[in-house]
Amino acid sequence: MSGKSFIAQLRTRPEKREELIALQTELKKLVFEHEPGALVYELFQSEEDPDLFQCVATFKDDAAFETHMHIDFHDRLVPPVLACLAEDMKLAFYRSLD
C-alpha cells in the first residue's frame, strides 16, 4: 500500500453554500500550487441535494498527507469551512492498493 486518501462528506447550511464553495475552490488551487505530493483534490456537489458535498483527496504517501495537514493555508481555510457546516463532517481514510 502506498497512497493515502480521504473522503469527507460536508453538509453546508444553505446560506453558507457559496462561501463553502469559494473556500474549497481556494483550498484546491493552493493544494495543487504548493503540494506536489497531492495527487487528487476535488470537491463534488450532489445533484440531488445542493447542500451536500464530498471532498476527495489522495496523497502520494503519509508524508505528503502530513504536509497537507500542517501547511499554513490549511490552518487558515479549514476552520471557516467547518463553520459553514450544518453538521459534523464525516471523514473516512483509505489506502491505495498497488
N, C-alpha and C. Protein backbone atom coordinates (compact mmCIF):
# COMPACT_ATOMS: atom_id res chain seq x y z
N MET A 1 0.84 -1.18 0.00
CA MET A 1 0.00 0.00 0.00
C MET A 1 0.88 1.24 0.00
N SER A 2 0.38 2.28 -0.64
CA SER A 2 1.19 3.49 -0.70
C SER A 2 0.36 4.74 -0.40
N GLY A 3 -0.37 5.23 -1.38
CA GLY A 3 -1.05 6.50 -1.23
C GLY A 3 -2.08 6.51 -0.12
N LYS A 4 -2.28 7.70 0.44
CA LYS A 4 -3.28 7.90 1.49
C LYS A 4 -4.36 8.82 0.94
N SER A 5 -5.60 8.43 1.13
CA SER A 5 -6.74 9.21 0.63
C SER A 5 -7.74 9.45 1.73
N PHE A 6 -8.53 10.50 1.54
CA PHE A 6 -9.69 10.69 2.41
C PHE A 6 -10.88 11.12 1.58
N ILE A 7 -12.04 10.80 2.11
CA ILE A 7 -13.30 11.29 1.58
C ILE A 7 -14.01 11.95 2.74
N ALA A 8 -14.32 13.22 2.56
CA ALA A 8 -15.00 14.00 3.59
C ALA A 8 -16.38 14.39 3.08
N GLN A 9 -17.40 14.03 3.83
CA GLN A 9 -18.76 14.45 3.49
C GLN A 9 -19.06 15.72 4.24
N LEU A 10 -19.46 16.74 3.50
CA LEU A 10 -19.72 18.06 4.06
C LEU A 10 -21.16 18.46 3.75
N ARG A 11 -21.94 18.73 4.77
CA ARG A 11 -23.29 19.27 4.57
C ARG A 11 -23.27 20.70 5.07
N THR A 12 -23.45 21.62 4.13
CA THR A 12 -23.40 23.03 4.47
C THR A 12 -24.78 23.57 4.82
N ARG A 13 -24.78 24.64 5.57
CA ARG A 13 -26.02 25.37 5.77
C ARG A 13 -26.33 26.08 4.46
N PRO A 14 -27.57 26.11 4.02
CA PRO A 14 -27.88 26.69 2.71
C PRO A 14 -27.35 28.11 2.52
N GLU A 15 -27.42 28.92 3.55
CA GLU A 15 -26.96 30.30 3.43
C GLU A 15 -25.43 30.41 3.38
N LYS A 16 -24.74 29.33 3.65
CA LYS A 16 -23.27 29.30 3.63
C LYS A 16 -22.72 28.52 2.43
N ARG A 17 -23.60 28.04 1.55
CA ARG A 17 -23.17 27.19 0.43
C ARG A 17 -22.13 27.87 -0.45
N GLU A 18 -22.38 29.09 -0.86
CA GLU A 18 -21.44 29.78 -1.76
C GLU A 18 -20.12 30.07 -1.07
N GLU A 19 -20.16 30.36 0.22
CA GLU A 19 -18.93 30.58 0.96
C GLU A 19 -18.10 29.30 1.03
N LEU A 20 -18.76 28.18 1.31
CA LEU A 20 -18.05 26.90 1.35
C LEU A 20 -17.41 26.60 0.00
N ILE A 21 -18.14 26.80 -1.08
CA ILE A 21 -17.60 26.54 -2.42
C ILE A 21 -16.39 27.43 -2.68
N ALA A 22 -16.47 28.70 -2.31
CA ALA A 22 -15.35 29.62 -2.53
C ALA A 22 -14.12 29.21 -1.72
N LEU A 23 -14.33 28.84 -0.48
CA LEU A 23 -13.21 28.42 0.38
C LEU A 23 -12.57 27.14 -0.15
N GLN A 24 -13.38 26.18 -0.54
CA GLN A 24 -12.85 24.91 -1.05
C GLN A 24 -12.16 25.10 -2.40
N THR A 25 -12.67 26.01 -3.22
CA THR A 25 -12.03 26.31 -4.50
C THR A 25 -10.66 26.91 -4.28
N GLU A 26 -10.55 27.83 -3.33
CA GLU A 26 -9.24 28.41 -3.00
C GLU A 26 -8.30 27.34 -2.44
N LEU A 27 -8.82 26.49 -1.57
CA LEU A 27 -8.00 25.43 -1.00
C LEU A 27 -7.48 24.49 -2.09
N LYS A 28 -8.34 24.10 -3.01
CA LYS A 28 -7.93 23.23 -4.12
C LYS A 28 -6.82 23.88 -4.94
N LYS A 29 -6.97 25.13 -5.27
CA LYS A 29 -5.96 25.86 -6.06
C LYS A 29 -4.62 25.85 -5.33
N LEU A 30 -4.64 26.16 -4.05
CA LEU A 30 -3.39 26.22 -3.27
C LEU A 30 -2.77 24.84 -3.10
N VAL A 31 -3.59 23.82 -2.92
CA VAL A 31 -3.06 22.46 -2.81
C VAL A 31 -2.27 22.11 -4.06
N PHE A 32 -2.83 22.36 -5.23
CA PHE A 32 -2.13 22.00 -6.46
C PHE A 32 -0.92 22.88 -6.73
N GLU A 33 -0.94 24.10 -6.24
CA GLU A 33 0.21 25.00 -6.44
C GLU A 33 1.37 24.69 -5.49
N HIS A 34 1.08 24.22 -4.27
CA HIS A 34 2.11 24.14 -3.24
C HIS A 34 2.35 22.75 -2.66
N GLU A 35 1.59 21.76 -3.09
CA GLU A 35 1.73 20.43 -2.53
C GLU A 35 1.96 19.40 -3.64
N PRO A 36 3.21 19.21 -4.05
CA PRO A 36 3.47 18.26 -5.14
C PRO A 36 3.07 16.82 -4.79
N GLY A 37 2.95 16.51 -3.50
CA GLY A 37 2.54 15.17 -3.10
C GLY A 37 1.05 14.94 -3.12
N ALA A 38 0.28 15.99 -3.45
CA ALA A 38 -1.18 15.85 -3.57
C ALA A 38 -1.50 15.43 -5.00
N LEU A 39 -2.05 14.25 -5.15
CA LEU A 39 -2.36 13.72 -6.48
C LEU A 39 -3.78 14.09 -6.92
N VAL A 40 -4.69 14.14 -5.96
CA VAL A 40 -6.09 14.46 -6.23
C VAL A 40 -6.59 15.35 -5.11
N TYR A 41 -7.33 16.38 -5.48
CA TYR A 41 -8.07 17.18 -4.50
C TYR A 41 -9.28 17.74 -5.24
N GLU A 42 -10.44 17.18 -4.98
CA GLU A 42 -11.66 17.56 -5.70
C GLU A 42 -12.82 17.74 -4.73
N LEU A 43 -13.70 18.64 -5.08
CA LEU A 43 -14.94 18.85 -4.36
C LEU A 43 -16.08 18.52 -5.30
N PHE A 44 -17.00 17.66 -4.85
CA PHE A 44 -18.15 17.27 -5.64
C PHE A 44 -19.41 17.71 -4.92
N GLN A 45 -20.36 18.24 -5.70
CA GLN A 45 -21.64 18.67 -5.15
C GLN A 45 -22.72 17.71 -5.62
N SER A 46 -23.57 17.26 -4.71
CA SER A 46 -24.64 16.34 -5.05
C SER A 46 -25.60 16.97 -6.05
N GLU A 47 -26.02 16.18 -7.02
CA GLU A 47 -27.02 16.66 -7.99
C GLU A 47 -28.42 16.71 -7.37
N GLU A 48 -28.66 15.88 -6.35
CA GLU A 48 -29.98 15.82 -5.72
C GLU A 48 -30.12 16.78 -4.55
N ASP A 49 -29.00 17.10 -3.91
CA ASP A 49 -29.02 17.91 -2.70
C ASP A 49 -27.89 18.94 -2.79
N PRO A 50 -28.19 20.18 -3.15
CA PRO A 50 -27.13 21.17 -3.38
C PRO A 50 -26.33 21.55 -2.15
N ASP A 51 -26.77 21.13 -0.98
CA ASP A 51 -26.03 21.44 0.25
C ASP A 51 -25.12 20.29 0.69
N LEU A 52 -25.06 19.23 -0.10
CA LEU A 52 -24.25 18.06 0.23
C LEU A 52 -23.05 17.97 -0.71
N PHE A 53 -21.85 17.87 -0.11
CA PHE A 53 -20.60 17.83 -0.87
C PHE A 53 -19.76 16.65 -0.40
N GLN A 54 -18.92 16.18 -1.31
CA GLN A 54 -17.89 15.20 -0.99
C GLN A 54 -16.56 15.81 -1.41
N CYS A 55 -15.62 15.84 -0.50
CA CYS A 55 -14.26 16.27 -0.81
C CYS A 55 -13.40 15.02 -0.85
N VAL A 56 -12.72 14.80 -1.96
CA VAL A 56 -11.90 13.61 -2.16
C VAL A 56 -10.46 14.06 -2.39
N ALA A 57 -9.55 13.50 -1.62
CA ALA A 57 -8.13 13.86 -1.77
C ALA A 57 -7.29 12.60 -1.70
N THR A 58 -6.24 12.58 -2.51
CA THR A 58 -5.27 11.49 -2.48
C THR A 58 -3.87 12.08 -2.46
N PHE A 59 -3.06 11.54 -1.57
CA PHE A 59 -1.68 11.98 -1.40
C PHE A 59 -0.76 10.81 -1.70
N LYS A 60 0.43 11.09 -2.22
CA LYS A 60 1.31 10.00 -2.66
C LYS A 60 1.77 9.12 -1.51
N ASP A 61 1.81 9.66 -0.29
CA ASP A 61 2.23 8.88 0.87
C ASP A 61 1.83 9.62 2.15
N ASP A 62 2.16 9.02 3.30
CA ASP A 62 1.81 9.62 4.58
C ASP A 62 2.48 10.97 4.78
N ALA A 63 3.71 11.10 4.31
CA ALA A 63 4.44 12.36 4.48
C ALA A 63 3.73 13.49 3.72
N ALA A 64 3.24 13.20 2.53
CA ALA A 64 2.51 14.22 1.75
C ALA A 64 1.21 14.60 2.46
N PHE A 65 0.54 13.62 3.05
CA PHE A 65 -0.67 13.92 3.81
C PHE A 65 -0.35 14.80 5.01
N GLU A 66 0.72 14.48 5.73
CA GLU A 66 1.11 15.29 6.89
C GLU A 66 1.47 16.72 6.48
N THR A 67 2.12 16.88 5.34
CA THR A 67 2.40 18.22 4.81
C THR A 67 1.10 18.97 4.62
N HIS A 68 0.11 18.31 4.02
CA HIS A 68 -1.19 18.94 3.78
C HIS A 68 -1.84 19.39 5.09
N MET A 69 -1.76 18.54 6.09
CA MET A 69 -2.42 18.84 7.36
C MET A 69 -1.75 19.98 8.12
N HIS A 70 -0.51 20.29 7.81
CA HIS A 70 0.22 21.30 8.58
C HIS A 70 0.65 22.51 7.75
N ILE A 71 0.22 22.60 6.52
CA ILE A 71 0.62 23.74 5.69
C ILE A 71 -0.19 24.97 6.11
N ASP A 72 0.40 26.13 5.99
CA ASP A 72 -0.22 27.35 6.54
C ASP A 72 -1.62 27.63 6.01
N PHE A 73 -1.85 27.46 4.72
CA PHE A 73 -3.17 27.79 4.19
C PHE A 73 -4.24 26.80 4.65
N HIS A 74 -3.87 25.59 4.99
CA HIS A 74 -4.83 24.63 5.55
C HIS A 74 -5.37 25.18 6.87
N ASP A 75 -4.46 25.65 7.71
CA ASP A 75 -4.86 26.21 9.00
C ASP A 75 -5.71 27.47 8.86
N ARG A 76 -5.53 28.18 7.77
CA ARG A 76 -6.29 29.41 7.53
C ARG A 76 -7.68 29.12 6.96
N LEU A 77 -7.79 28.12 6.07
CA LEU A 77 -9.04 27.90 5.33
C LEU A 77 -9.97 26.86 5.95
N VAL A 78 -9.43 25.86 6.63
CA VAL A 78 -10.31 24.79 7.12
C VAL A 78 -11.25 25.26 8.23
N PRO A 79 -10.82 26.05 9.21
CA PRO A 79 -11.79 26.49 10.23
C PRO A 79 -13.01 27.23 9.64
N PRO A 80 -12.84 28.14 8.67
CA PRO A 80 -14.04 28.75 8.09
C PRO A 80 -14.90 27.76 7.30
N VAL A 81 -14.26 26.75 6.67
CA VAL A 81 -15.05 25.70 6.01
C VAL A 81 -15.92 25.00 7.04
N LEU A 82 -15.32 24.60 8.14
CA LEU A 82 -16.08 23.90 9.18
C LEU A 82 -17.19 24.77 9.75
N ALA A 83 -16.98 26.08 9.80
CA ALA A 83 -18.01 27.00 10.30
C ALA A 83 -19.21 27.08 9.37
N CYS A 84 -19.06 26.67 8.12
CA CYS A 84 -20.17 26.68 7.15
C CYS A 84 -21.08 25.46 7.30
N LEU A 85 -20.64 24.47 8.02
CA LEU A 85 -21.35 23.19 8.04
C LEU A 85 -22.57 23.20 8.94
N ALA A 86 -23.57 22.44 8.49
CA ALA A 86 -24.80 22.27 9.25
C ALA A 86 -24.70 21.11 10.24
N GLU A 87 -23.71 20.24 10.03
CA GLU A 87 -23.49 19.08 10.90
C GLU A 87 -22.02 18.72 10.84
N ASP A 88 -21.59 17.86 11.74
CA ASP A 88 -20.19 17.45 11.74
C ASP A 88 -19.81 16.79 10.42
N MET A 89 -18.60 17.07 9.98
CA MET A 89 -18.06 16.45 8.78
C MET A 89 -17.88 14.96 9.04
N LYS A 90 -18.22 14.16 8.03
CA LYS A 90 -17.96 12.72 8.11
C LYS A 90 -16.69 12.46 7.31
N LEU A 91 -15.69 11.88 7.96
CA LEU A 91 -14.37 11.72 7.36
C LEU A 91 -13.96 10.26 7.41
N ALA A 92 -13.53 9.74 6.25
CA ALA A 92 -13.05 8.37 6.17
C ALA A 92 -11.73 8.36 5.41
N PHE A 93 -10.79 7.52 5.87
CA PHE A 93 -9.48 7.40 5.27
C PHE A 93 -9.35 6.07 4.53
N TYR A 94 -8.57 6.10 3.45
CA TYR A 94 -8.37 4.92 2.60
C TYR A 94 -6.91 4.84 2.18
N ARG A 95 -6.50 3.64 1.77
CA ARG A 95 -5.17 3.40 1.22
C ARG A 95 -5.31 2.95 -0.23
N SER A 96 -4.42 3.46 -1.07
CA SER A 96 -4.36 2.99 -2.44
C SER A 96 -3.73 1.61 -2.47
N LEU A 97 -4.24 0.76 -3.30
CA LEU A 97 -3.69 -0.58 -3.47
C LEU A 97 -2.80 -0.57 -4.71
N ASP A 98 -1.60 -1.09 -4.54
CA ASP A 98 -0.66 -1.13 -5.67
C ASP A 98 -0.90 -2.36 -6.52
